[in-house]
Amino acid sequence: MTFKICFSIYAYATVTTSQGALIIGGYDGSDVATVACYNNAGWSRMDDLQSIRQWHRAIVNGNKVYVIGGRGTQSVFVFRIRESLLKILNRFF
């Protein structure tokens, strides 16, 4: 599925996975919960985060993506990457 990403987005996190480069959350005039993936097929939209995030960070460890902090939140979300979806594993406070 092709997805048109907003190129005025900022305050996002990015990581590279086996599926491609992920743009996670951010701000495009309003807070964003979208996770978008770019690879040889172009842009696609993955599942949204459970909450909006901006000014956060993300890291990859194996097949898991850790989305850490951000404006207004102290929580850490852990996602497992599987094809075209994100599956939440844990939420830590």
PDB file of N, CA and C in Angstrom:
ATOM      1  N   MET A   1       0.850  -1.174   0.000  1.00  0.00           N
ATOM      2  CA  MET A   1       0.000   0.000   0.000  1.00  0.00           C
ATOM      3  C   MET A   1       0.895   1.237   0.000  1.00  0.00           C
ATOM      4  N   THR A   2       0.653   2.160  -0.920  1.00  0.00           N
ATOM      5  CA  THR A   2       1.426   3.379  -1.009  1.00  0.00           C
ATOM      6  C   THR A   2       0.859   4.417  -0.053  1.00  0.00           C
ATOM      7  N   PHE A   3       1.741   5.158   0.565  1.00  0.00           N
ATOM      8  CA  PHE A   3       1.375   6.159   1.558  1.00  0.00           C
ATOM      9  C   PHE A   3       2.114   7.438   1.236  1.00  0.00           C
ATOM     10  N   LYS A   4       1.424   8.566   1.242  1.00  0.00           N
ATOM     11  CA  LYS A   4       2.067   9.853   0.992  1.00  0.00           C
ATOM     12  C   LYS A   4       2.414  10.485   2.334  1.00  0.00           C
ATOM     13  N   ILE A   5       3.694  10.642   2.596  1.00  0.00           N
ATOM     14  CA  ILE A   5       4.157  11.216   3.867  1.00  0.00           C
ATOM     15  C   ILE A   5       4.183  12.738   3.770  1.00  0.00           C
ATOM     16  N   CYS A   6       3.907  13.384   4.870  1.00  0.00           N
ATOM     17  CA  CYS A   6       3.973  14.843   4.961  1.00  0.00           C
ATOM     18  C   CYS A   6       5.442  15.236   5.158  1.00  0.00           C
ATOM     19  N   PHE A   7       6.015  15.976   4.228  1.00  0.00           N
ATOM     20  CA  PHE A   7       7.436  16.315   4.319  1.00  0.00           C
ATOM     21  C   PHE A   7       7.722  17.524   5.196  1.00  0.00           C
ATOM     22  N   SER A   8       6.685  18.105   5.773  1.00  0.00           N
ATOM     23  CA  SER A   8       6.916  19.201   6.723  1.00  0.00           C
ATOM     24  C   SER A   8       6.977  18.688   8.163  1.00  0.00           C
ATOM     25  N   ILE A   9       7.037  17.392   8.333  1.00  0.00           N
ATOM     26  CA  ILE A   9       7.085  16.792   9.671  1.00  0.00           C
ATOM     27  C   ILE A   9       8.460  16.995  10.298  1.00  0.00           C
ATOM     28  N   TYR A  10       8.481  17.209  11.593  1.00  0.00           N
ATOM     29  CA  TYR A  10       9.727  17.290  12.349  1.00  0.00           C
ATOM     30  C   TYR A  10       9.477  16.774  13.755  1.00  0.00           C
ATOM     31  N   ALA A  11      10.501  16.742  14.581  1.00  0.00           N
ATOM     32  CA  ALA A  11      10.418  16.254  15.971  1.00  0.00           C
ATOM     33  C   ALA A  11      10.052  14.783  16.027  1.00  0.00           C
ATOM     34  N   TYR A  12      10.438  14.020  14.997  1.00  0.00           N
ATOM     35  CA  TYR A  12      10.162  12.585  14.932  1.00  0.00           C
ATOM     36  C   TYR A  12      11.404  11.790  15.332  1.00  0.00           C
ATOM     37  N   ALA A  13      11.209  10.498  15.516  1.00  0.00           N
ATOM     38  CA  ALA A  13      12.338   9.583  15.720  1.00  0.00           C
ATOM     39  C   ALA A  13      12.467   8.737  14.456  1.00  0.00           C
ATOM     40  N   THR A  14      13.663   8.254  14.200  1.00  0.00           N
ATOM     41  CA  THR A  14      13.861   7.392  13.042  1.00  0.00           C
ATOM     42  C   THR A  14      14.797   6.242  13.402  1.00  0.00           C
ATOM     43  N   VAL A  15      14.502   5.081  12.852  1.00  0.00           N
ATOM     44  CA  VAL A  15      15.347   3.907  12.988  1.00  0.00           C
ATOM     45  C   VAL A  15      15.335   3.159  11.663  1.00  0.00           C
ATOM     46  N   THR A  16      16.303   2.287  11.476  1.00  0.00           N
ATOM     47  CA  THR A  16      16.335   1.420  10.306  1.00  0.00           C
ATOM     48  C   THR A  16      16.119  -0.009  10.759  1.00  0.00           C
ATOM     49  N   THR A  17      15.174  -0.697  10.103  1.00  0.00           N
ATOM     50  CA  THR A  17      14.870  -2.097  10.408  1.00  0.00           C
ATOM     51  C   THR A  17      14.989  -2.909   9.122  1.00  0.00           C
ATOM     52  N   SER A  18      14.740  -4.194   9.201  1.00  0.00           N
ATOM     53  CA  SER A  18      14.777  -5.042   8.004  1.00  0.00           C
ATOM     54  C   SER A  18      13.682  -4.661   7.009  1.00  0.00           C
ATOM     55  N   GLN A  19      12.619  -3.992   7.472  1.00  0.00           N
ATOM     56  CA  GLN A  19      11.545  -3.545   6.583  1.00  0.00           C
ATOM     57  C   GLN A  19      11.902  -2.250   5.853  1.00  0.00           C
ATOM     58  N   GLY A  20      12.799  -1.449   6.434  1.00  0.00           N
ATOM     59  CA  GLY A  20      13.190  -0.179   5.834  1.00  0.00           C
ATOM     60  C   GLY A  20      13.449   0.864   6.907  1.00  0.00           C
ATOM     61  N   ALA A  21      13.475   2.119   6.501  1.00  0.00           N
ATOM     62  CA  ALA A  21      13.676   3.232   7.436  1.00  0.00           C
ATOM     63  C   ALA A  21      12.316   3.659   7.974  1.00  0.00           C
ATOM     64  N   LEU A  22      12.199   3.768   9.296  1.00  0.00           N
ATOM     65  CA  LEU A  22      10.943   4.162   9.923  1.00  0.00           C
ATOM     66  C   LEU A  22      11.012   5.608  10.387  1.00  0.00           C
ATOM     67  N   ILE A  23       9.955   6.347  10.136  1.00  0.00           N
ATOM     68  CA  ILE A  23       9.725   7.675  10.706  1.00  0.00           C
ATOM     69  C   ILE A  23       8.629   7.465  11.746  1.00  0.00           C
ATOM     70  N   ILE A  24       8.917   7.797  13.005  1.00  0.00           N
ATOM     71  CA  ILE A  24       8.011   7.475  14.111  1.00  0.00           C
ATOM     72  C   ILE A  24       7.523   8.759  14.767  1.00  0.00           C
ATOM     73  N   GLY A  25       6.198   8.964  14.722  1.00  0.00           N
ATOM     74  CA  GLY A  25       5.597  10.112  15.388  1.00  0.00           C
ATOM     75  C   GLY A  25       6.101  11.424  14.831  1.00  0.00           C
ATOM     76  N   GLY A  26       6.054  12.475  15.669  1.00  0.00           N
ATOM     77  CA  GLY A  26       6.558  13.784  15.288  1.00  0.00           C
ATOM     78  C   GLY A  26       5.491  14.852  15.358  1.00  0.00           C
ATOM     79  N   TYR A  27       5.732  15.915  14.595  1.00  0.00           N
ATOM     80  CA  TYR A  27       4.839  17.071  14.580  1.00  0.00           C
ATOM     81  C   TYR A  27       4.782  17.634  13.171  1.00  0.00           C
ATOM     82  N   ASP A  28       3.573  17.837  12.634  1.00  0.00           N
ATOM     83  CA  ASP A  28       3.397  18.407  11.295  1.00  0.00           C
ATOM     84  C   ASP A  28       2.345  19.524  11.302  1.00  0.00           C
ATOM     85  N   GLY A  29       2.290  20.249  12.399  1.00  0.00           N
ATOM     86  CA  GLY A  29       1.252  21.236  12.629  1.00  0.00           C
ATOM     87  C   GLY A  29       0.313  20.766  13.711  1.00  0.00           C
ATOM     88  N   SER A  30       0.324  19.456  13.924  1.00  0.00           N
ATOM     89  CA  SER A  30      -0.343  18.820  15.063  1.00  0.00           C
ATOM     90  C   SER A  30       0.483  17.599  15.435  1.00  0.00           C
ATOM     91  N   ASP A  31       0.261  17.069  16.626  1.00  0.00           N
ATOM     92  CA  ASP A  31       1.015  15.908  17.082  1.00  0.00           C
ATOM     93  C   ASP A  31       0.675  14.691  16.227  1.00  0.00           C
ATOM     94  N   VAL A  32       1.658  13.827  16.026  1.00  0.00           N
ATOM     95  CA  VAL A  32       1.524  12.684  15.122  1.00  0.00           C
ATOM     96  C   VAL A  32       1.797  11.381  15.867  1.00  0.00           C
ATOM     97  N   ALA A  33       0.989  10.351  15.589  1.00  0.00           N
ATOM     98  CA  ALA A  33       1.207   9.013  16.133  1.00  0.00           C
ATOM     99  C   ALA A  33       1.571   8.023  15.028  1.00  0.00           C
ATOM    100  N   THR A  34       1.683   8.499  13.795  1.00  0.00           N
ATOM    101  CA  THR A  34       1.933   7.645  12.637  1.00  0.00           C
ATOM    102  C   THR A  34       3.339   7.067  12.641  1.00  0.00           C
ATOM    103  N   VAL A  35       3.441   5.816  12.188  1.00  0.00           N
ATOM    104  CA  VAL A  35       4.736   5.201  11.894  1.00  0.00           C
ATOM    105  C   VAL A  35       4.744   4.913  10.395  1.00  0.00           C
ATOM    106  N   ALA A  36       5.669   5.554   9.671  1.00  0.00           N
ATOM    107  CA  ALA A  36       5.793   5.373   8.223  1.00  0.00           C
ATOM    108  C   ALA A  36       7.101   4.659   7.925  1.00  0.00           C
ATOM    109  N   CYS A  37       7.101   3.867   6.867  1.00  0.00           N
ATOM    110  CA  CYS A  37       8.272   3.082   6.477  1.00  0.00           C
ATOM    111  C   CYS A  37       8.644   3.420   5.038  1.00  0.00           C
ATOM    112  N   TYR A  38       9.948   3.620   4.810  1.00  0.00           N
ATOM    113  CA  TYR A  38      10.436   3.827   3.455  1.00  0.00           C
ATOM    114  C   TYR A  38      11.406   2.704   3.098  1.00  0.00           C
ATOM    115  N   ASN A  39      11.162   2.077   1.933  1.00  0.00           N
ATOM    116  CA  ASN A  39      12.070   1.047   1.416  1.00  0.00           C
ATOM    117  C   ASN A  39      12.009   1.093  -0.111  1.00  0.00           C
ATOM    118  N   ASN A  40      12.504   0.070  -0.789  1.00  0.00           N
ATOM    119  CA  ASN A  40      12.543   0.060  -2.256  1.00  0.00           C
ATOM    120  C   ASN A  40      11.163   0.186  -2.887  1.00  0.00           C
ATOM    121  N   ALA A  41      10.111  -0.175  -2.169  1.00  0.00           N
ATOM    122  CA  ALA A  41       8.741  -0.076  -2.684  1.00  0.00           C
ATOM    123  C   ALA A  41       8.161   1.326  -2.505  1.00  0.00           C
ATOM    124  N   GLY A  42       8.881   2.217  -1.809  1.00  0.00           N
ATOM    125  CA  GLY A  42       8.396   3.567  -1.542  1.00  0.00           C
ATOM    126  C   GLY A  42       7.900   3.690  -0.108  1.00  0.00           C
ATOM    127  N   TRP A  43       7.037   4.680   0.142  1.00  0.00           N
ATOM    128  CA  TRP A  43       6.511   4.930   1.482  1.00  0.00           C
ATOM    129  C   TRP A  43       5.299   4.061   1.753  1.00  0.00           C
ATOM    130  N   SER A  44       5.180   3.559   2.980  1.00  0.00           N
ATOM    131  CA  SER A  44       3.978   2.854   3.420  1.00  0.00           C
ATOM    132  C   SER A  44       3.705   3.243   4.867  1.00  0.00           C
ATOM    133  N   ARG A  45       2.455   3.156   5.239  1.00  0.00           N
ATOM    134  CA  ARG A  45       2.059   3.482   6.611  1.00  0.00           C
ATOM    135  C   ARG A  45       1.944   2.194   7.399  1.00  0.00           C
ATOM    136  N   MET A  46       2.585   2.159   8.555  1.00  0.00           N
ATOM    137  CA  MET A  46       2.465   1.026   9.462  1.00  0.00           C
ATOM    138  C   MET A  46       1.425   1.404  10.512  1.00  0.00           C
ATOM    139  N   ASP A  47       1.206   0.557  11.479  1.00  0.00           N
ATOM    140  CA  ASP A  47       0.248   0.880  12.533  1.00  0.00           C
ATOM    141  C   ASP A  47       0.669   2.133  13.278  1.00  0.00           C
ATOM    142  N   ASP A  48      -0.305   2.852  13.828  1.00  0.00           N
ATOM    143  CA  ASP A  48      -0.011   4.035  14.627  1.00  0.00           C
ATOM    144  C   ASP A  48       0.488   3.648  16.012  1.00  0.00           C
ATOM    145  N   LEU A  49       1.235   4.559  16.619  1.00  0.00           N
ATOM    146  CA  LEU A  49       1.596   4.411  18.028  1.00  0.00           C
ATOM    147  C   LEU A  49       0.324   4.493  18.870  1.00  0.00           C
ATOM    148  N   GLN A  50       0.371   4.019  20.098  1.00  0.00           N
ATOM    149  CA  GLN A  50      -0.795   4.089  20.970  1.00  0.00           C
ATOM    150  C   GLN A  50      -1.070   5.507  21.454  1.00  0.00           C
ATOM    151  N   SER A  51      -0.075   6.374  21.369  1.00  0.00           N
ATOM    152  CA  SER A  51      -0.268   7.774  21.745  1.00  0.00           C
ATOM    153  C   SER A  51       0.635   8.637  20.869  1.00  0.00           C
ATOM    154  N   ILE A  52       0.283   9.910  20.774  1.00  0.00           N
ATOM    155  CA  ILE A  52       1.100  10.826  19.994  1.00  0.00           C
ATOM    156  C   ILE A  52       2.466  10.988  20.646  1.00  0.00           C
ATOM    157  N   ARG A  53       3.470  11.231  19.801  1.00  0.00           N
ATOM    158  CA  ARG A  53       4.839  11.424  20.296  1.00  0.00           C
ATOM    159  C   ARG A  53       5.528  12.496  19.484  1.00  0.00           C
ATOM    160  N   GLN A  54       6.270  13.353  20.168  1.00  0.00           N
ATOM    161  CA  GLN A  54       7.177  14.277  19.499  1.00  0.00           C
ATOM    162  C   GLN A  54       8.389  14.504  20.393  1.00  0.00           C
ATOM    163  N   TRP A  55       9.516  14.817  19.774  1.00  0.00           N
ATOM    164  CA  TRP A  55      10.797  15.037  20.462  1.00  0.00           C
ATOM    165  C   TRP A  55      11.214  13.808  21.276  1.00  0.00           C
ATOM    166  N   HIS A  56      10.895  12.625  20.807  1.00  0.00           N
ATOM    167  CA  HIS A  56      11.244  11.367  21.459  1.00  0.00           C
ATOM    168  C   HIS A  56      12.441  10.750  20.730  1.00  0.00           C
ATOM    169  N   ARG A  57      12.878   9.620  21.186  1.00  0.00           N
ATOM    170  CA  ARG A  57      13.969   8.879  20.554  1.00  0.00           C
ATOM    171  C   ARG A  57      13.529   7.435  20.369  1.00  0.00           C
ATOM    172  N   ALA A  58      14.211   6.731  19.471  1.00  0.00           N
ATOM    173  CA  ALA A  58      13.912   5.317  19.238  1.00  0.00           C
ATOM    174  C   ALA A  58      15.222   4.584  18.962  1.00  0.00           C
ATOM    175  N   ILE A  59      15.265   3.338  19.399  1.00  0.00           N
ATOM    176  CA  ILE A  59      16.407   2.464  19.128  1.00  0.00           C
ATOM    177  C   ILE A  59      15.881   1.098  18.735  1.00  0.00           C
ATOM    178  N   VAL A  60      16.704   0.337  18.023  1.00  0.00           N
ATOM    179  CA  VAL A  60      16.374  -1.023  17.619  1.00  0.00           C
ATOM    180  C   VAL A  60      17.295  -1.977  18.346  1.00  0.00           C
ATOM    181  N   ASN A  61      16.715  -3.046  18.862  1.00  0.00           N
ATOM    182  CA  ASN A  61      17.487  -4.134  19.461  1.00  0.00           C
ATOM    183  C   ASN A  61      16.843  -5.421  18.972  1.00  0.00           C
ATOM    184  N   GLY A  62      17.506  -6.126  18.051  1.00  0.00           N
ATOM    185  CA  GLY A  62      16.922  -7.323  17.451  1.00  0.00           C
ATOM    186  C   GLY A  62      15.713  -6.945  16.613  1.00  0.00           C
ATOM    187  N   ASN A  63      14.571  -7.579  16.873  1.00  0.00           N
ATOM    188  CA  ASN A  63      13.351  -7.260  16.130  1.00  0.00           C
ATOM    189  C   ASN A  63      12.421  -6.355  16.936  1.00  0.00           C
ATOM    190  N   LYS A  64      12.970  -5.644  17.915  1.00  0.00           N
ATOM    191  CA  LYS A  64      12.173  -4.755  18.745  1.00  0.00           C
ATOM    192  C   LYS A  64      12.615  -3.307  18.559  1.00  0.00           C
ATOM    193  N   VAL A  65      11.642  -2.409  18.571  1.00  0.00           N
ATOM    194  CA  VAL A  65      11.896  -0.973  18.526  1.00  0.00           C
ATOM    195  C   VAL A  65      11.447  -0.395  19.856  1.00  0.00           C
ATOM    196  N   TYR A  66      12.336   0.329  20.506  1.00  0.00           N
ATOM    197  CA  TYR A  66      12.042   0.985  21.775  1.00  0.00           C
ATOM    198  C   TYR A  66      11.829   2.466  21.483  1.00  0.00           C
ATOM    199  N   VAL A  67      10.636   2.975  21.795  1.00  0.00           N
ATOM    200  CA  VAL A  67      10.313   4.392  21.617  1.00  0.00           C
ATOM    201  C   VAL A  67      10.343   5.012  23.008  1.00  0.00           C
ATOM    202  N   ILE A  68      11.251   5.955  23.199  1.00  0.00           N
ATOM    203  CA  ILE A  68      11.602   6.426  24.538  1.00  0.00           C
ATOM    204  C   ILE A  68      11.279   7.903  24.700  1.00  0.00           C
ATOM    205  N   GLY A  69      10.555   8.204  25.774  1.00  0.00           N
ATOM    206  CA  GLY A  69      10.331   9.589  26.180  1.00  0.00           C
ATOM    207  C   GLY A  69       9.575  10.421  25.180  1.00  0.00           C
ATOM    208  N   GLY A  70       9.922  11.678  25.136  1.00  0.00           N
ATOM    209  CA  GLY A  70       9.254  12.632  24.281  1.00  0.00           C
ATOM    210  C   GLY A  70       8.566  13.692  25.109  1.00  0.00           C
ATOM    211  N   ARG A  71       8.130  14.696  24.443  1.00  0.00           N
ATOM    212  CA  ARG A  71       7.471  15.818  25.105  1.00  0.00           C
ATOM    213  C   ARG A  71       6.197  15.360  25.812  1.00  0.00           C
ATOM    214  N   GLY A  72       6.144  15.631  27.112  1.00  0.00           N
ATOM    215  CA  GLY A  72       4.949  15.350  27.890  1.00  0.00           C
ATOM    216  C   GLY A  72       4.775  13.918  28.337  1.00  0.00           C
ATOM    217  N   THR A  73       5.761  13.053  28.091  1.00  0.00           N
ATOM    218  CA  THR A  73       5.620  11.654  28.501  1.00  0.00           C
ATOM    219  C   THR A  73       6.942  11.134  29.054  1.00  0.00           C
ATOM    220  N   GLN A  74       6.844  10.246  29.973  1.00  0.00           N
ATOM    221  CA  GLN A  74       8.033   9.595  30.529  1.00  0.00           C
ATOM    222  C   GLN A  74       8.019   8.104  30.234  1.00  0.00           C
ATOM    223  N   SER A  75       7.073   7.644  29.433  1.00  0.00           N
ATOM    224  CA  SER A  75       6.923   6.209  29.201  1.00  0.00           C
ATOM    225  C   SER A  75       7.838   5.716  28.089  1.00  0.00           C
ATOM    226  N   VAL A  76       8.055   4.405  28.090  1.00  0.00           N
ATOM    227  CA  VAL A  76       8.804   3.716  27.047  1.00  0.00           C
ATOM    228  C   VAL A  76       7.864   2.679  26.438  1.00  0.00           C
ATOM    229  N   PHE A  77       7.709   2.710  25.117  1.00  0.00           N
ATOM    230  CA  PHE A  77       6.933   1.697  24.420  1.00  0.00           C
ATOM    231  C   PHE A  77       7.904   0.771  23.710  1.00  0.00           C
ATOM    232  N   VAL A  78       7.592  -0.527  23.712  1.00  0.00           N
ATOM    233  CA  VAL A  78       8.406  -1.511  23.017  1.00  0.00           C
ATOM    234  C   VAL A  78       7.526  -2.183  21.967  1.00  0.00           C
ATOM    235  N   PHE A  79       7.990  -2.175  20.710  1.00  0.00           N
ATOM    236  CA  PHE A  79       7.239  -2.758  19.617  1.00  0.00           C
ATOM    237  C   PHE A  79       8.040  -3.854  18.960  1.00  0.00           C
ATOM    238  N   ARG A  80       7.354  -4.893  18.513  1.00  0.00           N
ATOM    239  CA  ARG A  80       7.987  -5.937  17.704  1.00  0.00           C
ATOM    240  C   ARG A  80       7.626  -5.649  16.253  1.00  0.00           C
ATOM    241  N   ILE A  81       8.614  -5.663  15.397  1.00  0.00           N
ATOM    242  CA  ILE A  81       8.391  -5.425  13.973  1.00  0.00           C
ATOM    243  C   ILE A  81       8.040  -6.742  13.307  1.00  0.00           C
ATOM    244  N   ARG A  82       6.897  -6.749  12.637  1.00  0.00           N
ATOM    245  CA  ARG A  82       6.472  -7.908  11.852  1.00  0.00           C
ATOM    246  C   ARG A  82       5.837  -7.404  10.575  1.00  0.00           C
ATOM    247  N   GLU A  83       6.455  -7.631   9.452  1.00  0.00           N
ATOM    248  CA  GLU A  83       5.992  -7.208   8.135  1.00  0.00           C
ATOM    249  C   GLU A  83       5.430  -5.797   8.168  1.00  0.00           C
ATOM    250  N   SER A  84       4.112  -5.615   8.065  1.00  0.00           N
ATOM    251  CA  SER A  84       3.564  -4.268   7.937  1.00  0.00           C
ATOM    252  C   SER A  84       2.838  -3.803   9.197  1.00  0.00           C
ATOM    253  N   LEU A  85       3.240  -4.302  10.357  1.00  0.00           N
ATOM    254  CA  LEU A  85       2.566  -3.840  11.565  1.00  0.00           C
ATOM    255  C   LEU A  85       3.533  -3.740  12.721  1.00  0.00           C
ATOM    256  N   LEU A  86       3.131  -2.993  13.683  1.00  0.00           N
ATOM    257  CA  LEU A  86       3.856  -2.885  14.943  1.00  0.00           C
ATOM    258  C   LEU A  86       2.987  -3.535  16.005  1.00  0.00           C
ATOM    259  N   LYS A  87       3.543  -4.409  16.773  1.00  0.00           N
ATOM    260  CA  LYS A  87       2.802  -5.040  17.854  1.00  0.00           C
ATOM    261  C   LYS A  87       3.403  -4.561  19.166  1.00  0.00           C
ATOM    262  N   ILE A  88       2.575  -3.921  19.995  1.00  0.00           N
ATOM    263  CA  ILE A  88       3.086  -3.437  21.262  1.00  0.00           C
ATOM    264  C   ILE A  88       3.383  -4.625  22.171  1.00  0.00           C
ATOM    265  N   LEU A  89       4.524  -4.611  22.800  1.00  0.00           N
ATOM    266  CA  LEU A  89       4.893  -5.677  23.718  1.00  0.00           C
ATOM    267  C   LEU A  89       4.722  -5.236  25.161  1.00  0.00           C
ATOM    268  N   ASN A  90       5.250  -4.088  25.491  1.00  0.00           N
ATOM    269  CA  ASN A  90       5.228  -3.616  26.867  1.00  0.00           C
ATOM    270  C   ASN A  90       5.135  -2.103  26.916  1.00  0.00           C
ATOM    271  N   ARG A  91       4.640  -1.628  28.023  1.00  0.00           N
ATOM    272  CA  ARG A  91       4.661  -0.188  28.290  1.00  0.00           C
ATOM    273  C   ARG A  91       5.235  -0.024  29.676  1.00  0.00           C
ATOM    274  N   PHE A  92       6.302   0.711  29.785  1.00  0.00           N
ATOM    275  CA  PHE A  92       6.969   0.929  31.056  1.00  0.00           C
ATOM    276  C   PHE A  92       6.783   2.371  31.476  1.00  0.00           C
ATOM    277  N   PHE A  93       6.727   2.621  32.762  1.00  0.00           N
ATOM    278  CA  PHE A  93       6.612   3.982  33.255  1.00  0.00           C
ATOM    279  C   PHE A  93       7.802   4.325  34.112  1.00  0.00           C
TER     280      PHE A  93
END
